[in-house]
């Protein structure tokens, strides 16, 4: 990743609108005074999105009855990608056999997606074809195995096909074949881990410990989940556990040192795990080689509290929160794990109105760190993104309504999931950092610390016996 530049060099705060077409607004004068020498403002850069038409899917060889359900899932996935204008209503002249590129061009389509569901043994095959309307040619075609709709892999297999469409056009990962893990508070006061698909479907409870269980973290393979829980609190401290999602088996982290184990985060190599240790003889952020069950190493620590580690994609950098400045308000720091002192990336200003910034999460693209923050003592928390690179550091504010906390990046590096509170209640939300669009993912959920999984397309493909993608 590019070498980060300390925030003191340059700070630029931008606020993205919450919907396409929103007009720039002025920030309050009080907010300007909080950051002397910092240029604040609302800047929005409109982007032209290609128009994608989806021709009604067809079926053959026993695939009848499934094509509408598959088409509906893919259509919603592509809308939720926030990359297309998807055509809903199509003229009858376009719904016959074959593809007349001139007619599709006349209605403004840039891309056309056609699909056919075929019966195959105990399951089905979805044949997707992407047409480039502008050049009047077939861009890509692929066959995707789809299990019976009663299979728990059915929807994820269709999501996997949706992500291939995004990859065909943009050569970037999609987010449909992913899940979000989060902690939800129950009426009993307990907090348990839940899972939900990226489109808000298939909400299910993962743990049932009857205590406080939170801070889920995905293994890079997408097949394991770490979290901390008070389920064995004989010493009054939470411990970190890892669940194998394929088998349901658990194991407990035993680093050989007392203290509260909190906020786990996997290293990109999948072998090591970083976590905060609080309340023991030494506190701070530690790493542990879980694969070999050894080698506890202190990464950061001191009299202060360091929490919420997050690795850069290359594993060379670590973001975390700390109150080492001596105030009750934590700040966000970044450090080079190869050597060097941590430096600030949150906009700290000394004084009674110092902001509160927490829960950093490093983008899979490597150039951004998301966190939530309160720009002054009386404000709500908002979702912020620090762009860290060779040209300096800028700060973008992605939310403005209600209270918003605990952001987590999607694999595409442009979407974030976060826990939000509005006047009507609580829920999980997703924001697109490019367009500023926000959608409700899980309503009526007192959610905390969501974690977006890596792409699960390969995991599902392996279960369906799929090799490499065909072209």
Protein backbone atom coordinates (compact mmCIF):
# COMPACT_ATOMS: atom_id res chain seq x y z
CA UNK A 1 0.00 0.00 0.00
CA UNK A 2 1.15 3.60 -0.43
CA UNK A 3 3.09 4.99 2.51
CA UNK A 4 0.61 6.78 4.83
CA UNK A 5 1.23 10.42 5.66
CA UNK A 6 0.43 11.64 9.21
CA UNK A 7 -2.80 13.59 9.48
CA UNK A 8 -0.97 16.69 10.70
CA UNK A 9 0.32 17.17 7.15
CA UNK A 10 -3.08 17.67 5.57
CA UNK A 11 -6.73 17.12 6.47
CA UNK A 12 -9.68 17.49 4.15
CA UNK A 13 -13.17 16.68 5.39
CA UNK A 14 -15.83 15.85 2.82
CA UNK A 15 -19.47 14.90 3.34
CA UNK A 16 -21.12 12.68 0.77
CA UNK A 17 -24.86 13.15 0.20
CA UNK A 18 -27.25 10.37 1.12
CA UNK A 19 -28.72 10.00 -2.35
CA UNK A 20 -27.75 10.64 -5.93
CA UNK A 21 -28.50 14.17 -6.97
CA UNK A 22 -28.33 15.71 -3.51
CA UNK A 23 -27.08 19.27 -3.49
CA UNK A 24 -23.99 20.44 -1.61
CA UNK A 25 -24.77 21.93 1.80
CA UNK A 26 -22.84 24.13 4.19
CA UNK A 27 -21.47 22.78 7.44
CA UNK A 28 -22.33 24.64 10.66
CA UNK A 29 -19.96 27.38 11.69
CA UNK A 30 -19.41 25.69 15.06
CA UNK A 31 -18.12 22.61 13.29
CA UNK A 32 -15.72 24.73 11.28
CA UNK A 33 -14.30 26.21 14.48
CA UNK A 34 -13.59 22.74 15.89
CA UNK A 35 -10.87 22.21 13.29
CA UNK A 36 -8.83 25.38 12.79
CA UNK A 37 -6.95 25.34 9.51
CA UNK A 38 -9.08 22.49 8.19
CA UNK A 39 -11.17 23.02 5.08
CA UNK A 40 -14.69 21.64 5.54
CA UNK A 41 -17.43 21.32 2.99
CA UNK A 42 -19.80 19.09 1.09
CA UNK A 43 -18.46 17.89 -2.24
CA UNK A 44 -20.28 15.48 -4.54
CA UNK A 45 -18.91 14.14 -7.78
CA UNK A 46 -21.61 12.70 -10.01
CA UNK A 47 -20.79 9.50 -11.86
CA UNK A 48 -22.53 8.11 -14.91
CA UNK A 49 -23.77 4.58 -14.35
CA UNK A 50 -24.25 2.14 -17.23
CA UNK A 51 -27.77 0.92 -17.92
CA UNK A 52 -28.26 -2.82 -17.52
CA UNK A 53 -31.33 -4.52 -18.97
CA UNK A 54 -32.35 -7.96 -17.74
CA UNK A 55 -34.39 -9.93 -20.23
CA UNK A 56 -36.88 -12.29 -18.53
CA UNK A 57 -35.13 -15.60 -17.89
CA UNK A 58 -36.31 -18.75 -19.64
CA UNK A 59 -36.12 -22.46 -18.79
CA UNK A 60 -35.83 -25.88 -20.40
CA UNK A 61 -35.15 -29.54 -19.56
CA UNK A 62 -37.18 -29.44 -16.37
CA UNK A 63 -36.04 -26.04 -15.14
CA UNK A 64 -39.50 -24.54 -15.40
CA UNK A 65 -40.83 -22.64 -12.41
CA UNK A 66 -37.41 -21.65 -11.09
CA UNK A 67 -36.39 -19.03 -13.64
CA UNK A 68 -38.50 -16.23 -12.11
CA UNK A 69 -37.09 -16.80 -8.63
CA UNK A 70 -33.50 -16.85 -9.90
CA UNK A 71 -34.06 -13.75 -12.03
CA UNK A 72 -35.52 -11.85 -9.06
CA UNK A 73 -32.51 -12.64 -6.85
CA UNK A 74 -30.01 -11.61 -9.52
CA UNK A 75 -31.93 -8.44 -10.33
CA UNK A 76 -31.91 -7.34 -6.71
CA UNK A 77 -28.23 -8.24 -6.32
CA UNK A 78 -27.27 -6.06 -9.27
CA UNK A 79 -29.35 -3.15 -7.94
CA UNK A 80 -27.69 -3.49 -4.55
CA UNK A 81 -24.28 -3.33 -6.25
CA UNK A 82 -25.04 0.38 -6.86
CA UNK A 83 -23.19 0.16 -10.17
CA UNK A 84 -26.07 0.09 -12.66
CA UNK A 85 -29.31 1.69 -13.69
CA UNK A 86 -31.38 -1.50 -14.01
CA UNK A 87 -34.23 -1.45 -16.53
CA UNK A 88 -37.45 -2.76 -14.98
CA UNK A 89 -40.10 -2.29 -17.67
CA UNK A 90 -39.30 -3.70 -21.07
CA UNK A 91 -41.29 -3.24 -24.32
CA UNK A 92 -43.04 -6.37 -25.59
CA UNK A 93 -41.06 -6.18 -28.84
CA UNK A 94 -37.88 -7.05 -26.89
CA UNK A 95 -39.19 -10.14 -25.14
CA UNK A 96 -39.15 -12.59 -28.06
CA UNK A 97 -36.40 -15.02 -29.01
CA UNK A 98 -32.98 -13.78 -30.02
CA UNK A 99 -31.29 -10.44 -29.38
CA UNK A 100 -31.77 -7.45 -31.64
CA UNK A 101 -29.02 -5.12 -30.45
CA UNK A 102 -30.48 -2.14 -32.31
CA UNK A 103 -33.72 -2.29 -30.32
CA UNK A 104 -31.89 -2.61 -27.00
CA UNK A 105 -29.69 0.33 -27.95
CA UNK A 106 -32.78 2.43 -28.72
CA UNK A 107 -34.07 2.06 -25.16
CA UNK A 108 -30.69 3.12 -23.76
CA UNK A 109 -29.27 -0.21 -22.61
CA UNK A 110 -25.49 -0.46 -22.34
CA UNK A 111 -25.51 -4.09 -21.21
CA UNK A 112 -28.06 -6.88 -21.60
CA UNK A 113 -28.20 -9.95 -19.37
CA UNK A 114 -30.04 -13.07 -20.50
CA UNK A 115 -30.46 -16.26 -18.52
CA UNK A 116 -31.81 -19.78 -18.82
CA UNK A 117 -32.42 -22.36 -16.09
CA UNK A 118 -31.93 -25.99 -17.10
CA UNK A 119 -32.74 -29.14 -15.17
CA UNK A 120 -29.70 -31.30 -14.33
CA UNK A 121 -30.05 -34.45 -12.23
CA UNK A 122 -30.95 -33.46 -8.67
CA UNK A 123 -30.21 -29.80 -9.30
CA UNK A 124 -30.14 -27.16 -11.99
CA UNK A 125 -27.78 -25.16 -14.19
CA UNK A 126 -28.10 -21.44 -14.73
CA UNK A 127 -26.71 -20.24 -18.06
CA UNK A 128 -25.95 -16.52 -17.99
CA UNK A 129 -24.97 -14.50 -21.06
CA UNK A 130 -23.83 -10.88 -20.93
CA UNK A 131 -24.26 -8.87 -24.12
CA UNK A 132 -22.43 -5.65 -24.94
CA UNK A 133 -25.20 -3.65 -26.61
CA UNK A 134 -22.93 -0.81 -27.75
CA UNK A 135 -20.63 -3.16 -29.68
CA UNK A 136 -23.44 -5.59 -30.56
CA UNK A 137 -21.60 -8.65 -29.31
CA UNK A 138 -21.64 -11.31 -26.65
CA UNK A 139 -19.29 -10.30 -23.83
CA UNK A 140 -19.30 -13.42 -21.62
CA UNK A 141 -21.18 -16.65 -20.97
CA UNK A 142 -20.96 -19.11 -18.09
CA UNK A 143 -22.83 -22.10 -16.64
CA UNK A 144 -23.51 -22.05 -12.89
CA UNK A 145 -24.68 -25.12 -10.96
CA UNK A 146 -27.68 -24.30 -8.77
CA UNK A 147 -28.90 -26.72 -6.09
CA UNK A 148 -32.56 -27.37 -5.32
CA UNK A 149 -34.29 -24.36 -3.69
CA UNK A 150 -34.64 -26.38 -0.49
CA UNK A 151 -30.83 -26.48 -0.16
CA UNK A 152 -29.19 -23.97 2.23
CA UNK A 153 -26.75 -23.20 -0.60
CA UNK A 154 -29.44 -22.24 -3.13
CA UNK A 155 -29.50 -18.47 -2.68
CA UNK A 156 -25.73 -18.21 -2.20
CA UNK A 157 -25.18 -20.15 -5.45
CA UNK A 158 -27.36 -17.59 -7.28
CA UNK A 159 -25.51 -14.73 -5.55
CA UNK A 160 -22.28 -16.24 -6.85
CA UNK A 161 -23.60 -15.88 -10.41
CA UNK A 162 -24.55 -12.24 -9.74
CA UNK A 163 -21.01 -11.47 -8.64
CA UNK A 164 -19.64 -12.88 -11.87
CA UNK A 165 -21.71 -10.35 -13.82
CA UNK A 166 -20.11 -7.52 -11.83
CA UNK A 167 -16.69 -9.03 -12.44
CA UNK A 168 -17.31 -9.39 -16.19
CA UNK A 169 -18.10 -5.70 -16.55
CA UNK A 170 -15.89 -3.99 -13.96
CA UNK A 171 -13.18 -6.56 -13.24
CA UNK A 172 -13.87 -6.00 -9.54
CA UNK A 173 -15.41 -8.24 -6.88
CA UNK A 174 -19.14 -8.22 -6.21
CA UNK A 175 -20.74 -8.39 -2.78
CA UNK A 176 -23.79 -10.60 -3.34
CA UNK A 177 -22.16 -13.89 -2.26
CA UNK A 178 -21.29 -12.59 1.22
CA UNK A 179 -22.72 -12.57 4.73
CA UNK A 180 -22.64 -10.18 7.65
CA UNK A 181 -22.04 -11.38 11.20
CA UNK A 182 -23.16 -9.14 14.05
CA UNK A 183 -24.03 -9.13 17.72
CA UNK A 184 -27.65 -8.43 18.61
CA UNK A 185 -29.01 -7.59 22.03
CA UNK A 186 -32.04 -9.63 23.10
CA UNK A 187 -34.86 -8.67 25.49
CA UNK A 188 -33.18 -10.84 28.14
CA UNK A 189 -30.11 -8.58 28.02
CA UNK A 190 -27.95 -11.26 26.42
CA UNK A 191 -26.08 -10.55 23.19
CA UNK A 192 -25.73 -13.32 20.62
CA UNK A 193 -24.05 -13.60 17.20
CA UNK A 194 -26.31 -13.60 14.14
CA UNK A 195 -25.65 -14.07 10.43
CA UNK A 196 -27.50 -12.49 7.50
CA UNK A 197 -26.95 -12.55 3.74
CA UNK A 198 -25.83 -9.34 2.04
CA UNK A 199 -29.35 -8.78 0.67
CA UNK A 200 -30.96 -9.04 4.13
CA UNK A 201 -32.27 -12.58 3.66
CA UNK A 202 -31.57 -15.74 5.70
CA UNK A 203 -31.22 -14.08 9.10
CA UNK A 204 -30.20 -16.79 11.55
CA UNK A 205 -28.83 -17.07 15.05
CA UNK A 206 -25.35 -18.55 15.36
CA UNK A 207 -24.74 -18.66 19.12
CA UNK A 208 -27.02 -19.42 22.04
CA UNK A 209 -24.88 -18.86 25.12
CA UNK A 210 -27.29 -16.71 27.13
CA UNK A 211 -24.59 -14.15 27.89
CA UNK A 212 -22.72 -11.29 26.21
CA UNK A 213 -21.11 -12.49 22.98
CA UNK A 214 -19.86 -9.92 20.48
CA UNK A 215 -17.08 -8.61 18.20
CA UNK A 216 -17.31 -11.21 15.41
CA UNK A 217 -14.36 -11.40 13.02
CA UNK A 218 -14.19 -13.43 9.79
CA UNK A 219 -11.30 -15.72 8.94
CA UNK A 220 -9.91 -14.84 5.48
CA UNK A 221 -11.24 -18.17 4.16
CA UNK A 222 -14.80 -17.26 5.16
CA UNK A 223 -15.14 -20.65 6.87
CA UNK A 224 -14.43 -19.61 10.49
CA UNK A 225 -15.62 -16.88 12.80
CA UNK A 226 -13.91 -15.55 15.94
CA UNK A 227 -15.72 -13.65 18.71
CA UNK A 228 -15.40 -12.87 22.39
CA UNK A 229 -17.86 -14.13 25.00
CA UNK A 230 -18.43 -14.24 28.76
CA UNK A 231 -19.70 -17.85 28.53
CA UNK A 232 -16.85 -19.11 30.74
CA UNK A 233 -16.33 -16.09 32.98
CA UNK A 234 -14.99 -17.84 36.08
CA UNK A 235 -12.49 -14.98 36.43
CA UNK A 236 -14.96 -12.35 35.26
CA UNK A 237 -13.15 -11.91 31.94
CA UNK A 238 -14.43 -12.51 28.41
CA UNK A 239 -12.49 -14.97 26.25
CA UNK A 240 -12.05 -15.31 22.51
CA UNK A 241 -13.50 -18.31 20.68
CA UNK A 242 -13.37 -19.52 17.12
CA UNK A 243 -16.20 -21.43 15.45
CA UNK A 244 -15.72 -23.56 12.36
CA UNK A 245 -18.85 -22.73 10.37
CA UNK A 246 -18.61 -25.99 8.43
CA UNK A 247 -18.83 -28.20 11.52
CA UNK A 248 -20.01 -25.92 14.35
CA UNK A 249 -17.00 -26.90 16.44
CA UNK A 250 -15.43 -24.31 18.72
CA UNK A 251 -12.07 -23.75 20.29
CA UNK A 252 -11.03 -21.22 22.93
CA UNK A 253 -7.98 -18.99 22.70
CA UNK A 254 -5.55 -19.76 25.51
CA UNK A 255 -2.58 -17.40 25.17
CA UNK A 256 -1.30 -18.10 28.69
CA UNK A 257 -1.90 -14.62 30.06
CA UNK A 258 -4.74 -13.32 32.23
CA UNK A 259 -6.97 -10.45 31.22
CA UNK A 260 -10.07 -9.60 29.23
CA UNK A 261 -9.67 -10.83 25.66
CA UNK A 262 -11.48 -8.44 23.34
CA UNK A 263 -11.96 -7.34 19.69
CA UNK A 264 -10.28 -10.17 17.73
CA UNK A 265 -9.00 -9.61 14.18
CA UNK A 266 -7.40 -12.16 11.86
CA UNK A 267 -4.14 -11.43 10.09
CA UNK A 268 -4.50 -11.78 6.29
CA UNK A 269 -2.33 -14.92 6.46
CA UNK A 270 -5.14 -16.63 8.42
CA UNK A 271 -2.74 -18.10 10.99
CA UNK A 272 -2.36 -15.25 13.44
CA UNK A 273 -4.99 -13.36 15.36
CA UNK A 274 -4.66 -9.95 16.99
CA UNK A 275 -6.74 -8.95 20.00
CA UNK A 276 -6.88 -6.51 22.89
CA UNK A 277 -5.94 -7.66 26.39
CA UNK A 278 -7.31 -5.52 29.21
CA UNK A 279 -7.12 -5.90 32.98
CA UNK A 280 -4.12 -8.19 33.25
CA UNK A 281 -0.49 -7.59 34.22
CA UNK A 282 0.22 -6.18 30.76
CA UNK A 283 -2.45 -4.68 28.57
CA UNK A 284 -2.52 -3.60 24.98
CA UNK A 285 -2.83 -5.27 21.59
CA UNK A 286 -1.28 -8.71 21.22
CA UNK A 287 -0.88 -11.15 18.37
CA UNK A 288 -0.97 -14.93 18.70
CA UNK A 289 -0.19 -17.74 16.24
CA UNK A 290 -3.38 -19.73 16.64
CA UNK A 291 -2.30 -22.34 14.11
CA UNK A 292 0.71 -23.36 16.23
CA UNK A 293 -0.80 -22.34 19.60
CA UNK A 294 2.21 -20.24 20.50
CA UNK A 295 4.10 -17.03 20.22
CA UNK A 296 2.11 -14.40 22.10
CA UNK A 297 3.58 -11.02 21.08
CA UNK A 298 2.68 -7.56 22.33
CA UNK A 299 2.18 -5.22 19.40
CA UNK A 300 1.16 -2.09 21.33
CA UNK A 301 0.56 -1.30 24.98
CA UNK A 302 1.13 0.93 27.97
CA UNK A 303 -0.87 2.69 30.65
CA UNK A 304 -3.64 3.46 28.17
CA UNK A 305 -6.22 1.18 26.54
CA UNK A 306 -5.64 0.03 22.96
CA UNK A 307 -8.54 -1.77 21.29
CA UNK A 308 -10.04 -2.88 17.97
CA UNK A 309 -7.02 -3.87 15.85
CA UNK A 310 -7.51 -4.05 12.07
CA UNK A 311 -4.85 -5.22 9.59
CA UNK A 312 -4.14 -3.71 6.19
CA UNK A 313 -4.66 -6.22 3.33
CA UNK A 314 -0.89 -6.80 2.99
CA UNK A 315 -0.55 -7.40 6.74
CA UNK A 316 2.16 -4.74 7.17
CA UNK A 317 0.05 -2.06 8.85
CA UNK A 318 -2.31 -2.01 11.82
CA UNK A 319 -5.10 0.43 12.67
CA UNK A 320 -6.44 0.59 16.22
CA UNK A 321 -8.13 2.89 18.72
CA UNK A 322 -6.41 4.25 21.79
CA UNK A 323 -6.93 6.79 24.58
CA UNK A 324 -3.18 7.34 24.94
CA UNK A 325 -3.58 11.12 24.63
CA UNK A 326 -4.80 11.13 28.21
CA UNK A 327 -8.46 11.94 27.57
CA UNK A 328 -11.53 9.75 27.85
CA UNK A 329 -12.09 10.10 24.11
CA UNK A 330 -10.32 7.46 22.01
CA UNK A 331 -8.60 8.28 18.73
CA UNK A 332 -7.64 6.22 15.67
CA UNK A 333 -3.99 5.37 15.07
CA UNK A 334 -2.03 3.56 12.37
CA UNK A 335 1.32 1.87 12.84
CA UNK A 336 3.81 0.14 10.58
CA UNK A 337 4.30 -3.37 11.96
CA UNK A 338 7.78 -3.44 10.45
CA UNK A 339 8.85 -0.56 12.70
CA UNK A 340 7.96 3.01 13.61
CA UNK A 341 5.69 4.87 15.97
CA UNK A 342 1.88 4.99 15.61
CA UNK A 343 0.41 8.17 14.17
CA UNK A 344 -3.05 9.72 14.27
CA UNK A 345 -5.54 9.47 11.44
CA UNK A 346 -8.55 10.87 13.35
CA UNK A 347 -8.93 14.67 13.54
CA UNK A 348 -7.97 15.22 17.16
CA UNK A 349 -8.06 18.77 18.48
CA UNK A 350 -7.02 19.45 22.08
CA UNK A 351 -9.75 20.77 24.34
CA UNK A 352 -13.05 19.91 26.04
CA UNK A 353 -14.78 19.26 22.70
CA UNK A 354 -12.23 16.70 21.46
CA UNK A 355 -13.88 14.21 19.16
CA UNK A 356 -14.51 10.56 19.98
CA UNK A 357 -13.38 8.04 17.34
CA UNK A 358 -13.53 4.25 17.53
CA UNK A 359 -13.93 0.89 15.73
CA UNK A 360 -11.48 1.20 12.80
CA UNK A 361 -11.75 -1.20 9.85
CA UNK A 362 -9.19 -1.29 7.03
CA UNK A 363 -10.53 -1.39 3.48
CA UNK A 364 -9.70 -4.47 1.36
CA UNK A 365 -8.34 -2.03 -1.23
CA UNK A 366 -5.73 -0.89 1.28
CA UNK A 367 -6.11 2.89 0.98
CA UNK A 368 -8.97 3.63 3.39
CA UNK A 369 -9.82 3.15 7.05
CA UNK A 370 -13.43 3.42 8.20
CA UNK A 371 -14.44 4.21 11.78
CA UNK A 372 -17.22 5.95 13.64
CA UNK A 373 -16.73 9.32 15.23
CA UNK A 374 -18.29 12.17 17.11
CA UNK A 375 -16.95 15.48 15.88
CA UNK A 376 -17.83 17.18 19.16
CA UNK A 377 -19.06 16.17 22.59
CA UNK A 378 -22.77 16.67 21.94
CA UNK A 379 -23.01 15.22 18.44
CA UNK A 380 -24.12 11.76 17.36
CA UNK A 381 -21.64 9.27 16.02
CA UNK A 382 -21.26 9.21 12.25
CA UNK A 383 -19.47 6.90 9.81
CA UNK A 384 -16.15 8.37 8.68
CA UNK A 385 -13.57 7.20 6.17
CA UNK A 386 -9.92 8.27 6.28
CA UNK A 387 -8.18 8.02 2.92
CA UNK A 388 -4.57 7.25 3.69
CA UNK A 389 -2.04 7.56 0.89
CA UNK A 390 1.04 9.24 -0.51
CA UNK A 391 -0.86 12.46 -1.25
CA UNK A 392 -1.93 12.97 2.33
CA UNK A 393 -4.93 12.04 4.42
CA UNK A 394 -8.51 13.14 3.82
CA UNK A 395 -11.60 12.40 5.86
CA UNK A 396 -15.03 11.65 4.38
CA UNK A 397 -18.27 11.61 6.36
CA UNK A 398 -20.75 9.10 4.94
CA UNK A 399 -23.76 9.53 7.27
CA UNK A 400 -25.56 12.50 8.76
CA UNK A 401 -28.84 11.20 10.20
CA UNK A 402 -29.20 9.58 13.61
CA UNK A 403 -26.46 7.68 15.42
CA UNK A 404 -24.17 5.36 13.43
CA UNK A 405 -21.42 3.07 14.69
CA UNK A 406 -19.09 0.13 13.99
CA UNK A 407 -18.50 0.21 10.20
CA UNK A 408 -17.18 -2.84 8.33
CA UNK A 409 -16.04 -2.95 4.70
CA UNK A 410 -17.48 -5.25 2.05
CA UNK A 411 -15.03 -7.16 -0.19
CA UNK A 412 -15.53 -4.59 -2.97
CA UNK A 413 -14.00 -1.79 -0.87
CA UNK A 414 -16.87 0.60 -1.57
CA UNK A 415 -19.76 -0.61 0.60
CA UNK A 416 -19.90 -0.53 4.40
CA UNK A 417 -22.28 -2.11 6.88
CA UNK A 418 -22.91 -0.31 10.18
CA UNK A 419 -25.20 -0.30 13.19
CA UNK A 420 -27.59 2.66 13.19
CA UNK A 421 -30.23 4.30 15.31
CA UNK A 422 -33.02 6.43 13.86
CA UNK A 423 -36.06 8.17 15.32
CA UNK A 424 -38.13 5.11 14.40
CA UNK A 425 -35.79 2.48 15.85
CA UNK A 426 -32.62 0.50 15.34
CA UNK A 427 -31.13 -1.60 12.58
CA UNK A 428 -28.23 -2.59 10.38
CA UNK A 429 -27.58 -0.39 7.35
CA UNK A 430 -25.40 -0.49 4.23
CA UNK A 431 -23.89 2.64 2.68
CA UNK A 432 -22.22 2.95 -0.73
CA UNK A 433 -19.15 5.16 -0.31
CA UNK A 434 -19.28 6.17 -4.01
CA UNK A 435 -22.91 7.26 -4.45
CA UNK A 436 -23.79 7.84 -0.80
CA UNK A 437 -26.87 5.60 -1.07
CA UNK A 438 -27.99 3.98 2.18
CA UNK A 439 -30.27 0.95 2.49
CA UNK A 440 -31.71 -0.81 5.50
CA UNK A 441 -30.33 -4.34 5.83
CA UNK A 442 -31.90 -5.66 9.06
CA UNK A 443 -34.72 -3.66 10.67
CA UNK A 444 -35.59 -3.62 14.37
CA UNK A 445 -32.24 -5.04 15.45
CA UNK A 446 -30.24 -3.65 18.35
CA UNK A 447 -27.09 -4.58 16.49
CA UNK A 448 -23.46 -4.02 17.43
CA UNK A 449 -20.11 -4.50 15.73
CA UNK A 450 -21.10 -6.05 12.38
CA UNK A 451 -18.41 -7.77 10.31
CA UNK A 452 -18.72 -8.24 6.55
CA UNK A 453 -17.40 -11.58 5.30
CA UNK A 454 -15.00 -12.10 2.43
CA UNK A 455 -16.57 -13.45 -0.76
CA UNK A 456 -18.10 -16.87 -0.16
CA UNK A 457 -18.45 -17.69 -3.84
CA UNK A 458 -15.49 -20.08 -3.88
CA UNK A 459 -16.69 -21.73 -0.66
CA UNK A 460 -20.11 -22.42 -2.16
CA UNK A 461 -18.57 -23.44 -5.47
CA UNK A 462 -16.38 -26.00 -3.71
CA UNK A 463 -19.43 -27.54 -2.02
CA UNK A 464 -21.16 -27.76 -5.41
CA UNK A 465 -18.10 -29.39 -6.96
CA UNK A 466 -17.26 -26.42 -9.20
CA UNK A 467 -13.74 -25.92 -10.48
CA UNK A 468 -12.35 -22.73 -11.97
CA UNK A 469 -14.69 -20.35 -13.81
CA UNK A 470 -15.46 -21.07 -17.43
CA UNK A 471 -15.51 -18.40 -20.06
